[in-house]
Amino acid sequence: MRETPRSQGTAGDARPALPQLRPGRALAHNTGTPGTGNSGNPHRSDVRPPHTPRGARDTGHHGRLGTTPPVPRRPTSFLRLSGSQRSPRSQRAQRFPGSPGFPGPADPSGPGSRRLTPLSLCLFSALLFAALTWQVAGHGPLRALDERLGRAVASGGLPAGPAEFFADLGNTTVALPVLSAAVAWALWRGRREGRPRAPDGAAPPRWWLPALAAGLTAAAVPALVVPLKLWLARPGPARMAGAAHEGFYPSGHGATAAVLYGLAALLLFRGGRRTAAHRPAGPAVAAVLVLLNAGIGTGLVRRGYHWPLDVLGSWCLAGVLLALWCAVCDRWAGGRRAVGTPGRPAGLP
């Protein structure tokens, strides 16, 4: 027979003894900082780390979802919410579409939205032009350096024949016919593409606005350059000492070439719909336009017609005018969309 366990009391005690709790066994996993006397286990040395891995287990970062294991991760509902929402860039692209003939910066048919907006380019060009004008008008150190550089280029070894040829390309008699041909082509192209009837509730696109804005921009060149020349009255190089007119800042030839040739390129390559065949030609035309204006500016300095700052100031002024033209066309050239047809410009099939 098995022995019945006796109580721990004395023989004279009639009450049964209650079992004694052993906190050392129940709190075996409550560990404290070793060596501080706060381990929580009376049967464990205070100077030893816990032997069981549970005593040193990391429960994960505070404030994050999940435990270890599994690895903490974001809730599935948050992923669905973030994937279903549209980005602000795509929403702006649907609220402000470009015109059918002149797609703007947020045109969904283009290869991507442009980071450099026309207004930011206009502001940058205006600030740079103001800084250069301040140096020229106040006889600053940049003006003295500019005159030394101009004399060095004029007496340099660049061939005079090509320099004279490029300098002549800045004349109005050469640049104006080029712009006129581009304006005529833009009018014909815009009229043909804007002929389809707009849907109900939509206004037809203003296909004539880019050409009209180009003409007004070209007329603004002499209206701005001539008063600036008369106001600053900067003397020209030694070759232009006996010239009939006074004032050489900014360069009229440089501004005429940059604005008129730039408008012609914009009318030709922004007038049609953007296709895969037109996209590779854009950077090439921009590179040709930059090289052409660089050749014209170098020719003007080499032949002694202008100082380098005269040409640079005219380019800044041209940047302001071209950026304003782009902003006007992007804003008002397209027709208003019909109600219920988001994301599609009016006049497109």
Protein backbone atom coordinates (compact mmCIF):
# COMPACT_ATOMS: atom_id res chain seq x y z
CA MET A 1 0.00 0.00 0.00
CA ARG A 2 1.09 3.51 -0.72
CA GLU A 3 1.84 5.74 2.14
CA THR A 4 -0.52 8.59 2.64
CA PRO A 5 1.42 11.86 2.87
CA ARG A 6 1.12 13.41 6.25
CA SER A 7 0.61 17.06 6.93
CA GLN A 8 3.48 19.21 8.05
CA GLY A 9 1.78 20.27 11.25
CA THR A 10 2.41 18.96 14.74
CA ALA A 11 0.62 16.06 16.28
CA GLY A 12 -1.47 18.30 18.46
CA ASP A 13 -2.66 20.53 15.58
CA ALA A 14 -6.01 19.32 14.29
CA ARG A 15 -6.24 21.76 11.34
CA PRO A 16 -4.91 20.62 7.98
CA ALA A 17 -1.95 22.64 6.71
CA LEU A 18 -2.36 24.60 3.48
CA PRO A 19 0.21 24.09 0.77
CA GLN A 20 2.97 26.69 0.83
CA LEU A 21 3.60 28.74 -2.31
CA ARG A 22 7.14 28.80 -3.56
CA PRO A 23 7.74 32.13 -5.32
CA GLY A 24 11.09 30.98 -6.56
CA ARG A 25 9.44 28.30 -8.71
CA ALA A 26 6.57 30.43 -9.97
CA LEU A 27 8.78 33.39 -10.81
CA ALA A 28 11.56 31.41 -12.35
CA HIS A 29 11.32 33.41 -15.54
CA ASN A 30 11.07 36.84 -13.95
CA THR A 31 14.57 38.04 -14.41
CA GLY A 32 16.02 41.34 -13.41
CA THR A 33 19.25 43.10 -14.09
CA PRO A 34 22.13 40.83 -13.17
CA GLY A 35 24.31 42.16 -10.39
CA THR A 36 21.74 44.60 -9.04
CA GLY A 37 20.02 42.24 -6.64
CA ASN A 38 16.71 42.52 -8.51
CA SER A 39 16.55 39.26 -10.38
CA GLY A 40 13.15 38.33 -8.99
CA ASN A 41 14.22 34.75 -8.23
CA PRO A 42 15.36 34.01 -4.66
CA HIS A 43 16.94 30.69 -5.75
CA ARG A 44 19.08 32.24 -8.48
CA SER A 45 22.34 34.06 -8.10
CA ASP A 46 22.12 37.78 -8.73
CA VAL A 47 25.37 37.88 -10.63
CA ARG A 48 24.56 35.29 -13.29
CA PRO A 49 22.57 35.86 -16.49
CA PRO A 50 19.47 33.70 -17.08
CA HIS A 51 20.13 30.20 -18.46
CA THR A 52 16.88 29.87 -20.37
CA PRO A 53 16.49 31.66 -23.72
CA ARG A 54 13.08 32.93 -22.67
CA GLY A 55 14.64 35.19 -20.11
CA ALA A 56 16.54 37.17 -22.76
CA ARG A 57 14.01 37.03 -25.60
CA ASP A 58 13.29 40.25 -27.43
CA THR A 59 9.60 40.83 -27.89
CA GLY A 60 10.06 43.25 -30.75
CA HIS A 61 10.04 47.00 -31.13
CA HIS A 62 7.66 49.00 -29.01
CA GLY A 63 4.93 50.72 -30.94
CA ARG A 64 5.02 48.32 -33.96
CA LEU A 65 2.45 45.73 -34.93
CA GLY A 66 3.19 42.03 -34.53
CA THR A 67 5.53 40.03 -32.28
CA THR A 68 8.65 37.94 -32.70
CA PRO A 69 8.01 35.54 -34.41
CA PRO A 70 6.52 36.43 -36.89
CA VAL A 71 8.44 39.45 -38.17
CA PRO A 72 6.55 42.71 -37.58
CA ARG A 73 4.89 44.00 -40.71
CA ARG A 74 2.36 46.58 -41.77
CA PRO A 75 -1.32 45.65 -41.78
CA THR A 76 -2.81 44.46 -45.04
CA SER A 77 -5.52 47.12 -44.94
CA PHE A 78 -2.85 49.86 -45.06
CA LEU A 79 -1.29 48.30 -48.15
CA ARG A 80 -4.63 48.16 -49.90
CA LEU A 81 -5.34 51.75 -48.95
CA SER A 82 -1.99 53.04 -50.22
CA GLY A 83 -2.29 51.07 -53.47
CA SER A 84 -5.78 52.28 -54.24
CA GLN A 85 -5.05 55.98 -53.84
CA ARG A 86 -3.71 57.97 -56.76
CA SER A 87 -0.70 60.19 -56.56
CA PRO A 88 -1.18 63.98 -56.61
CA ARG A 89 0.82 64.14 -59.86
CA SER A 90 -1.71 61.93 -61.70
CA GLN A 91 -4.60 63.93 -60.27
CA ARG A 92 -3.04 67.19 -61.49
CA ALA A 93 -2.53 65.62 -64.91
CA GLN A 94 -6.28 64.98 -65.21
CA ARG A 95 -7.31 68.38 -63.86
CA PHE A 96 -4.98 70.38 -66.16
CA PRO A 97 -4.61 68.58 -69.50
CA GLY A 98 -2.72 70.17 -72.37
CA SER A 99 -4.25 71.20 -75.63
CA PRO A 100 -4.51 68.68 -78.47
CA GLY A 101 -1.99 70.52 -80.60
CA PHE A 102 0.18 71.92 -77.84
CA PRO A 103 0.43 69.46 -74.96
CA GLY A 104 1.43 71.05 -71.70
CA PRO A 105 3.65 69.87 -68.86
CA ALA A 106 0.91 67.62 -67.47
CA ASP A 107 -0.02 66.03 -70.78
CA PRO A 108 -0.74 62.33 -70.13
CA SER A 109 0.23 61.42 -73.68
CA GLY A 110 3.78 62.71 -73.23
CA PRO A 111 6.71 60.66 -72.02
CA GLY A 112 6.48 62.22 -68.55
CA SER A 113 5.84 65.41 -66.72
CA ARG A 114 8.52 68.05 -66.97
CA ARG A 115 10.31 69.01 -63.80
CA LEU A 116 11.25 72.46 -65.13
CA THR A 117 8.04 74.44 -65.53
CA PRO A 118 7.81 77.52 -67.77
CA LEU A 119 7.21 79.82 -64.81
CA SER A 120 10.30 78.57 -62.97
CA LEU A 121 12.38 79.05 -66.12
CA CYS A 122 10.97 82.55 -66.52
CA LEU A 123 11.82 83.43 -62.92
CA PHE A 124 15.36 82.08 -63.20
CA SER A 125 16.02 83.95 -66.46
CA ALA A 126 14.61 87.17 -65.04
CA LEU A 127 16.79 86.98 -61.93
CA LEU A 128 19.92 86.26 -63.96
CA PHE A 129 19.13 89.11 -66.34
CA ALA A 130 18.66 91.48 -63.41
CA ALA A 131 22.03 90.44 -61.94
CA LEU A 132 23.85 90.97 -65.25
CA THR A 133 22.15 94.32 -65.81
CA TRP A 134 23.20 95.44 -62.33
CA GLN A 135 26.83 94.56 -63.09
CA VAL A 136 26.77 96.40 -66.41
CA ALA A 137 25.01 99.50 -65.10
CA GLY A 138 27.09 99.74 -61.93
CA HIS A 139 30.49 99.08 -63.56
CA GLY A 140 30.96 96.01 -61.41
CA PRO A 141 33.90 93.61 -61.48
CA LEU A 142 32.05 91.32 -63.87
CA ARG A 143 31.93 94.10 -66.46
CA ALA A 144 35.71 94.60 -66.37
CA LEU A 145 36.27 90.87 -66.75
CA ASP A 146 33.77 90.81 -69.60
CA GLU A 147 35.60 93.51 -71.53
CA ARG A 148 38.94 91.74 -71.15
CA LEU A 149 37.40 88.50 -72.39
CA GLY A 150 35.77 90.27 -75.32
CA ARG A 151 39.04 91.82 -76.46
CA ALA A 152 40.78 88.45 -76.19
CA VAL A 153 38.13 86.71 -78.31
CA ALA A 154 38.07 89.49 -80.91
CA SER A 155 41.82 89.28 -81.39
CA GLY A 156 41.91 85.49 -81.18
CA GLY A 157 42.55 82.92 -83.85
CA LEU A 158 38.93 82.08 -84.71
CA PRO A 159 38.29 82.30 -88.47
CA ALA A 160 36.60 85.54 -89.45
CA GLY A 161 34.55 84.11 -92.33
CA PRO A 162 32.42 81.64 -90.34
CA ALA A 163 32.15 84.17 -87.51
CA GLU A 164 30.68 86.76 -89.88
CA PHE A 165 28.29 84.17 -91.33
CA PHE A 166 26.91 83.21 -87.93
CA ALA A 167 26.70 86.85 -86.85
CA ASP A 168 24.54 87.62 -89.89
CA LEU A 169 22.07 84.91 -88.86
CA GLY A 170 20.96 87.20 -86.06
CA ASN A 171 19.62 89.80 -88.47
CA THR A 172 15.86 90.29 -88.61
CA THR A 173 15.90 89.85 -92.39
CA VAL A 174 17.09 86.26 -91.89
CA ALA A 175 15.26 85.16 -88.74
CA LEU A 176 11.87 86.71 -89.48
CA PRO A 177 11.16 84.65 -92.66
CA VAL A 178 11.98 81.47 -90.73
CA LEU A 179 9.49 82.37 -88.02
CA SER A 180 6.87 83.39 -90.59
CA ALA A 181 7.07 79.99 -92.27
CA ALA A 182 6.72 78.25 -88.92
CA VAL A 183 3.70 80.41 -88.01
CA ALA A 184 2.00 79.61 -91.33
CA TRP A 185 2.58 75.89 -90.82
CA ALA A 186 1.27 76.06 -87.24
CA LEU A 187 -1.90 77.82 -88.38
CA TRP A 188 -2.54 75.23 -91.08
CA ARG A 189 -1.84 72.33 -88.74
CA GLY A 190 -3.88 73.77 -85.90
CA ARG A 191 -6.87 74.49 -88.12
CA ARG A 192 -6.82 70.96 -89.49
CA GLU A 193 -6.57 69.32 -86.07
CA GLY A 194 -9.06 71.67 -84.44
CA ARG A 195 -11.70 71.14 -87.11
CA PRO A 196 -13.39 68.09 -85.46
CA ARG A 197 -16.43 69.23 -83.58
CA ALA A 198 -16.04 69.40 -79.82
CA PRO A 199 -18.34 67.23 -77.67
CA ASP A 200 -21.39 68.68 -76.01
CA GLY A 201 -20.55 71.16 -73.30
CA ALA A 202 -16.95 71.69 -74.45
CA ALA A 203 -15.39 74.70 -76.12
CA PRO A 204 -13.32 74.21 -79.28
CA PRO A 205 -9.53 74.47 -78.89
CA ARG A 206 -7.91 77.81 -79.60
CA TRP A 207 -5.68 76.54 -82.39
CA TRP A 208 -4.83 80.09 -83.46
CA LEU A 209 -3.45 81.17 -80.07
CA PRO A 210 0.12 79.74 -80.38
CA ALA A 211 0.71 81.48 -83.70
CA LEU A 212 -0.72 84.76 -82.42
CA ALA A 213 1.35 84.54 -79.24
CA ALA A 214 4.46 83.87 -81.33
CA GLY A 215 3.90 87.03 -83.34
CA LEU A 216 3.40 89.11 -80.22
CA THR A 217 6.50 87.61 -78.61
CA ALA A 218 8.60 88.45 -81.66
CA ALA A 219 7.29 92.02 -81.60
CA ALA A 220 8.23 92.30 -77.92
CA VAL A 221 11.94 91.84 -78.69
CA PRO A 222 12.64 95.33 -80.13
CA ALA A 223 10.13 96.85 -77.70
CA LEU A 224 12.30 95.66 -74.81
CA VAL A 225 15.81 95.77 -76.27
CA VAL A 226 15.79 99.31 -77.66
CA PRO A 227 14.73 101.08 -74.40
CA LEU A 228 17.26 99.04 -72.43
CA LYS A 229 20.05 100.02 -74.80
CA LEU A 230 19.16 103.69 -74.57
CA TRP A 231 18.84 103.58 -70.79
CA LEU A 232 22.14 101.79 -70.07
CA ALA A 233 24.10 103.35 -72.97
CA ARG A 234 26.97 100.90 -72.66
CA PRO A 235 29.83 101.60 -75.08
CA GLY A 236 30.61 98.90 -77.59
CA PRO A 237 33.95 97.36 -78.57
CA ALA A 238 36.63 99.34 -80.37
CA ARG A 239 35.29 98.37 -83.79
CA MET A 240 31.88 99.91 -83.00
CA ALA A 241 33.31 103.21 -81.68
CA GLY A 242 31.96 105.26 -84.58
CA ALA A 243 28.55 103.56 -84.75
CA ALA A 244 25.49 105.70 -85.31
CA HIS A 245 23.51 104.13 -82.43
CA GLU A 246 24.46 104.13 -78.77
CA GLY A 247 24.07 101.29 -76.30
CA PHE A 248 25.06 97.68 -76.82
CA TYR A 249 23.48 95.90 -73.87
CA PRO A 250 21.59 93.66 -74.46
CA SER A 251 22.44 92.44 -77.94
CA GLY A 252 19.62 92.91 -80.40
CA HIS A 253 21.02 90.30 -82.78
CA GLY A 254 21.38 87.77 -79.96
CA ALA A 255 17.84 88.33 -78.67
CA THR A 256 16.35 88.23 -82.17
CA ALA A 257 18.05 84.95 -83.01
CA ALA A 258 17.24 83.25 -79.69
CA VAL A 259 13.57 84.29 -79.64
CA LEU A 260 12.64 83.90 -83.31
CA TYR A 261 14.46 80.63 -83.92
CA GLY A 262 13.25 79.32 -80.58
CA LEU A 263 9.64 80.16 -81.42
CA ALA A 264 9.98 78.47 -84.80
CA ALA A 265 11.26 75.29 -83.17
CA LEU A 266 8.51 75.32 -80.55
CA LEU A 267 5.80 75.82 -83.15
CA LEU A 268 7.08 72.97 -85.30
CA PHE A 269 7.64 70.39 -82.60
CA ARG A 270 4.82 71.29 -80.24
CA GLY A 271 2.26 71.77 -82.97
CA GLY A 272 1.68 68.11 -83.79
CA ARG A 273 0.54 65.30 -81.59
CA ARG A 274 3.26 63.62 -79.64
CA THR A 275 4.09 60.26 -81.18
CA ALA A 276 6.92 57.82 -80.79
CA ALA A 277 8.48 59.13 -84.00
CA HIS A 278 8.56 62.74 -82.76
CA ARG A 279 10.09 62.07 -79.35
CA PRO A 280 13.67 61.32 -80.49
CA ALA A 281 13.70 64.48 -82.64
CA GLY A 282 13.05 66.82 -79.72
CA PRO A 283 16.48 66.59 -78.03
CA ALA A 284 18.22 66.77 -81.41
CA VAL A 285 16.39 69.96 -82.37
CA ALA A 286 17.11 71.47 -78.96
CA ALA A 287 20.81 70.67 -79.37
CA VAL A 288 20.87 72.22 -82.85
CA LEU A 289 19.13 75.33 -81.52
CA VAL A 290 21.65 75.69 -78.69
CA LEU A 291 24.61 75.25 -81.03
CA LEU A 292 23.14 77.75 -83.50
CA ASN A 293 22.73 80.44 -80.85
CA ALA A 294 26.18 79.69 -79.45
CA GLY A 295 27.64 80.18 -82.93
CA ILE A 296 25.76 83.45 -83.38
CA GLY A 297 26.93 84.78 -80.02
CA THR A 298 30.53 83.76 -80.68
CA GLY A 299 30.41 85.39 -84.09
CA LEU A 300 29.12 88.65 -82.62
CA VAL A 301 31.96 88.75 -80.09
CA ARG A 302 34.61 87.60 -82.57
CA ARG A 303 33.71 90.26 -85.11
CA GLY A 304 33.74 92.97 -82.42
CA TYR A 305 30.03 93.80 -82.56
CA HIS A 306 29.22 93.07 -78.90
CA TRP A 307 30.71 92.17 -75.56
CA PRO A 308 30.09 88.67 -74.15
CA LEU A 309 27.74 90.00 -71.46
CA ASP A 310 25.65 91.66 -74.16
CA VAL A 311 25.00 88.27 -75.72
CA LEU A 312 24.42 86.54 -72.38
CA GLY A 313 21.93 89.19 -71.32
CA SER A 314 20.03 88.79 -74.59
CA TRP A 315 19.78 85.04 -73.97
CA CYS A 316 18.33 85.67 -70.51
CA LEU A 317 15.77 88.02 -72.00
CA ALA A 318 14.92 85.41 -74.62
CA GLY A 319 14.44 82.82 -71.88
CA VAL A 320 11.86 85.05 -70.21
CA LEU A 321 9.92 85.58 -73.44
CA LEU A 322 9.97 81.93 -74.52
CA ALA A 323 8.90 80.76 -71.08
CA LEU A 324 5.98 83.18 -71.10
CA TRP A 325 4.95 81.92 -74.54
CA CYS A 326 4.97 78.32 -73.28
CA ALA A 327 2.96 79.25 -70.19
CA VAL A 328 0.32 81.07 -72.26
CA CYS A 329 -0.05 78.20 -74.72
CA ASP A 330 -0.20 75.57 -71.99
CA ARG A 331 -2.86 77.51 -70.13
CA TRP A 332 -5.18 78.85 -72.82
CA ALA A 333 -4.51 77.08 -76.12
CA GLY A 334 -6.61 73.98 -75.30
CA GLY A 335 -10.37 73.88 -75.34
CA ARG A 336 -12.47 73.28 -72.26
CA ARG A 337 -13.44 69.73 -71.53
CA ALA A 338 -16.98 68.50 -71.63
CA VAL A 339 -18.73 67.38 -68.47
CA GLY A 340 -18.26 63.65 -67.91
CA THR A 341 -15.13 63.31 -70.08
CA PRO A 342 -12.23 63.71 -67.65
CA GLY A 343 -8.66 63.35 -68.80
CA ARG A 344 -9.31 63.96 -72.52
CA PRO A 345 -8.84 67.38 -74.16
CA ALA A 346 -11.69 68.72 -76.20
CA GLY A 347 -11.51 68.26 -79.94
CA LEU A 348 -9.71 64.92 -79.85
CA PRO A 349 -11.51 61.86 -81.22
